[in-house]
């Protein structure tokens, strides 16, 4: 089976930085789009950033140049570098990947989520 394993969340002060990672594991033939979403209590899950296998990127307006998405295709891993963090960034962050498995079946997978808390 395919699994996305996240790490890097934690508690940070306003203005600080965190780097999230998400590694896809299992019977993987290829990965197309990879993305980061987040969800705060009582709110809908929202897209933060996305990246294609070729390196094209797309960011939500609220990132405002503070976050950078990148990926290491050889390691099936996507990263989210978060700088100048604000309390409003507090949420559970989920990675998502469009995966073609070993049997050439395409499907979307989600990570387990990692908590990011920005507070003094």
C-alpha atoms as a PDB file:
ATOM      1  CA  UNK A   1       0.000   0.000   0.000  1.00  0.00           C
ATOM      2  CA  UNK A   2       0.981   3.652  -0.454  1.00  0.00           C
ATOM      3  CA  UNK A   3       1.452   5.859   2.595  1.00  0.00           C
ATOM      4  CA  UNK A   4       2.449   9.497   3.070  1.00  0.00           C
ATOM      5  CA  UNK A   5       4.454  10.047   6.262  1.00  0.00           C
ATOM      6  CA  UNK A   6       4.713  13.618   7.582  1.00  0.00           C
ATOM      7  CA  UNK A   7       7.127  15.207  10.050  1.00  0.00           C
ATOM      8  CA  UNK A   8       8.435  18.603  11.138  1.00  0.00           C
ATOM      9  CA  UNK A   9       5.507  20.170  12.973  1.00  0.00           C
ATOM     10  CA  UNK A  10       5.789  21.717  16.412  1.00  0.00           C
ATOM     11  CA  UNK A  11       5.546  24.853  18.533  1.00  0.00           C
ATOM     12  CA  UNK A  12       7.255  28.019  17.298  1.00  0.00           C
ATOM     13  CA  UNK A  13       7.170  31.709  18.243  1.00  0.00           C
ATOM     14  CA  UNK A  14       5.753  34.330  15.859  1.00  0.00           C
ATOM     15  CA  UNK A  15       8.357  35.216  13.253  1.00  0.00           C
ATOM     16  CA  UNK A  16       9.995  31.819  13.533  1.00  0.00           C
ATOM     17  CA  UNK A  17      10.447  29.082  10.955  1.00  0.00           C
ATOM     18  CA  UNK A  18       9.600  25.428  10.478  1.00  0.00           C
ATOM     19  CA  UNK A  19      10.277  22.935   7.705  1.00  0.00           C
ATOM     20  CA  UNK A  20       7.706  20.220   7.072  1.00  0.00           C
ATOM     21  CA  UNK A  21       8.482  17.059   5.146  1.00  0.00           C
ATOM     22  CA  UNK A  22       6.302  14.358   3.614  1.00  0.00           C
ATOM     23  CA  UNK A  23       7.708  11.103   2.268  1.00  0.00           C
ATOM     24  CA  UNK A  24       5.657   8.816   0.019  1.00  0.00           C
ATOM     25  CA  UNK A  25       6.301   5.143   0.750  1.00  0.00           C
ATOM     26  CA  UNK A  26       5.110   1.915  -0.838  1.00  0.00           C
ATOM     27  CA  UNK A  27       4.718   0.458  -4.315  1.00  0.00           C
ATOM     28  CA  UNK A  28       5.136   3.687  -6.269  1.00  0.00           C
ATOM     29  CA  UNK A  29       5.733   3.914  -9.997  1.00  0.00           C
ATOM     30  CA  UNK A  30       5.555   7.705 -10.256  1.00  0.00           C
ATOM     31  CA  UNK A  31       4.171  10.788  -8.521  1.00  0.00           C
ATOM     32  CA  UNK A  32       2.498  13.672 -10.299  1.00  0.00           C
ATOM     33  CA  UNK A  33       1.280  16.658  -8.244  1.00  0.00           C
ATOM     34  CA  UNK A  34       2.217  16.995  -4.575  1.00  0.00           C
ATOM     35  CA  UNK A  35       0.681  19.598  -2.298  1.00  0.00           C
ATOM     36  CA  UNK A  36       0.278  20.918   1.238  1.00  0.00           C
ATOM     37  CA  UNK A  37      -3.096  21.755   2.787  1.00  0.00           C
ATOM     38  CA  UNK A  38      -3.981  22.962   6.273  1.00  0.00           C
ATOM     39  CA  UNK A  39      -7.040  22.904   8.525  1.00  0.00           C
ATOM     40  CA  UNK A  40      -7.723  24.982  11.622  1.00  0.00           C
ATOM     41  CA  UNK A  41     -10.453  24.045  14.148  1.00  0.00           C
ATOM     42  CA  UNK A  42     -13.920  24.834  12.804  1.00  0.00           C
ATOM     43  CA  UNK A  43     -12.633  25.655   9.320  1.00  0.00           C
ATOM     44  CA  UNK A  44     -12.493  23.865   5.993  1.00  0.00           C
ATOM     45  CA  UNK A  45      -9.249  22.383   4.751  1.00  0.00           C
ATOM     46  CA  UNK A  46      -7.491  24.845   2.432  1.00  0.00           C
ATOM     47  CA  UNK A  47      -4.714  24.570  -0.132  1.00  0.00           C
ATOM     48  CA  UNK A  48      -1.388  26.093   0.923  1.00  0.00           C
ATOM     49  CA  UNK A  49       0.984  25.198  -1.921  1.00  0.00           C
ATOM     50  CA  UNK A  50       1.313  22.708  -4.768  1.00  0.00           C
ATOM     51  CA  UNK A  51       4.133  21.371  -6.919  1.00  0.00           C
ATOM     52  CA  UNK A  52       4.253  19.303 -10.110  1.00  0.00           C
ATOM     53  CA  UNK A  53       6.828  16.617 -10.816  1.00  0.00           C
ATOM     54  CA  UNK A  54       8.485  19.062 -13.210  1.00  0.00           C
ATOM     55  CA  UNK A  55       8.957  21.702 -10.524  1.00  0.00           C
ATOM     56  CA  UNK A  56       6.138  24.153 -11.272  1.00  0.00           C
ATOM     57  CA  UNK A  57       4.640  25.669  -8.109  1.00  0.00           C
ATOM     58  CA  UNK A  58       1.425  27.367  -7.024  1.00  0.00           C
ATOM     59  CA  UNK A  59       0.782  29.223  -3.730  1.00  0.00           C
ATOM     60  CA  UNK A  60      -2.242  30.462  -1.844  1.00  0.00           C
ATOM     61  CA  UNK A  61      -2.458  34.242  -1.467  1.00  0.00           C
ATOM     62  CA  UNK A  62      -2.202  34.111   2.329  1.00  0.00           C
ATOM     63  CA  UNK A  63       1.324  32.694   2.062  1.00  0.00           C
ATOM     64  CA  UNK A  64       2.484  36.074   0.675  1.00  0.00           C
ATOM     65  CA  UNK A  65       5.981  34.895  -0.169  1.00  0.00           C
ATOM     66  CA  UNK A  66       6.634  33.415   3.287  1.00  0.00           C
ATOM     67  CA  UNK A  67       6.388  29.709   2.365  1.00  0.00           C
ATOM     68  CA  UNK A  68       8.306  27.687  -0.214  1.00  0.00           C
ATOM     69  CA  UNK A  69       7.358  24.239  -1.508  1.00  0.00           C
ATOM     70  CA  UNK A  70      10.057  21.964  -2.920  1.00  0.00           C
ATOM     71  CA  UNK A  71      10.496  18.283  -3.654  1.00  0.00           C
ATOM     72  CA  UNK A  72      13.109  15.587  -4.025  1.00  0.00           C
ATOM     73  CA  UNK A  73      11.754  13.228  -6.679  1.00  0.00           C
ATOM     74  CA  UNK A  74      14.492  10.646  -6.081  1.00  0.00           C
ATOM     75  CA  UNK A  75      13.307  10.308  -2.480  1.00  0.00           C
ATOM     76  CA  UNK A  76       9.566  10.762  -3.209  1.00  0.00           C
ATOM     77  CA  UNK A  77       9.538  13.601  -0.689  1.00  0.00           C
ATOM     78  CA  UNK A  78       7.932  17.051  -0.651  1.00  0.00           C
ATOM     79  CA  UNK A  79       8.907  19.865   1.731  1.00  0.00           C
ATOM     80  CA  UNK A  80       7.292  23.057   2.959  1.00  0.00           C
ATOM     81  CA  UNK A  81       9.665  25.733   4.274  1.00  0.00           C
ATOM     82  CA  UNK A  82       7.644  28.140   6.424  1.00  0.00           C
ATOM     83  CA  UNK A  83       9.228  31.469   7.396  1.00  0.00           C
ATOM     84  CA  UNK A  84       7.860  34.529   9.230  1.00  0.00           C
ATOM     85  CA  UNK A  85       5.197  32.386  10.854  1.00  0.00           C
ATOM     86  CA  UNK A  86       2.098  34.069  12.281  1.00  0.00           C
ATOM     87  CA  UNK A  87      -0.449  32.885  14.874  1.00  0.00           C
ATOM     88  CA  UNK A  88      -2.988  32.568  12.027  1.00  0.00           C
ATOM     89  CA  UNK A  89      -0.770  29.853  10.536  1.00  0.00           C
ATOM     90  CA  UNK A  90      -1.695  27.579  13.455  1.00  0.00           C
ATOM     91  CA  UNK A  91      -3.350  24.488  11.975  1.00  0.00           C
ATOM     92  CA  UNK A  92      -2.909  20.828  11.182  1.00  0.00           C
ATOM     93  CA  UNK A  93      -0.922  20.567   7.965  1.00  0.00           C
ATOM     94  CA  UNK A  94      -1.591  17.685   5.562  1.00  0.00           C
ATOM     95  CA  UNK A  95       0.389  16.623   2.526  1.00  0.00           C
ATOM     96  CA  UNK A  96      -1.300  15.223  -0.561  1.00  0.00           C
ATOM     97  CA  UNK A  97       0.091  13.350  -3.555  1.00  0.00           C
ATOM     98  CA  UNK A  98      -1.252  12.151  -6.888  1.00  0.00           C
ATOM     99  CA  UNK A  99       0.386   8.711  -7.138  1.00  0.00           C
ATOM    100  CA  UNK A 100       0.641   6.045  -9.829  1.00  0.00           C
ATOM    101  CA  UNK A 101       1.274   2.745  -8.044  1.00  0.00           C
ATOM    102  CA  UNK A 102       3.138  -0.359  -9.191  1.00  0.00           C
ATOM    103  CA  UNK A 103       0.013  -1.630 -10.999  1.00  0.00           C
ATOM    104  CA  UNK A 104      -0.345   1.655 -12.947  1.00  0.00           C
ATOM    105  CA  UNK A 105      -3.390   2.691 -10.907  1.00  0.00           C
ATOM    106  CA  UNK A 106      -3.629   6.435 -10.241  1.00  0.00           C
ATOM    107  CA  UNK A 107      -5.015   7.688  -6.941  1.00  0.00           C
ATOM    108  CA  UNK A 108      -4.756  10.562  -4.469  1.00  0.00           C
ATOM    109  CA  UNK A 109      -3.298   9.965  -0.988  1.00  0.00           C
ATOM    110  CA  UNK A 110      -3.182  12.035   2.208  1.00  0.00           C
ATOM    111  CA  UNK A 111      -0.670  12.200   5.022  1.00  0.00           C
ATOM    112  CA  UNK A 112      -1.671  11.769   8.659  1.00  0.00           C
ATOM    113  CA  UNK A 113      -1.295  15.476   9.429  1.00  0.00           C
ATOM    114  CA  UNK A 114       1.215  17.348  11.572  1.00  0.00           C
ATOM    115  CA  UNK A 115       0.335  20.075  14.091  1.00  0.00           C
ATOM    116  CA  UNK A 116       1.870  23.537  13.680  1.00  0.00           C
ATOM    117  CA  UNK A 117       1.309  25.946  16.576  1.00  0.00           C
ATOM    118  CA  UNK A 118       2.538  29.558  16.397  1.00  0.00           C
ATOM    119  CA  UNK A 119       2.342  31.275  19.785  1.00  0.00           C
ATOM    120  CA  UNK A 120       4.340  33.376  22.235  1.00  0.00           C
END
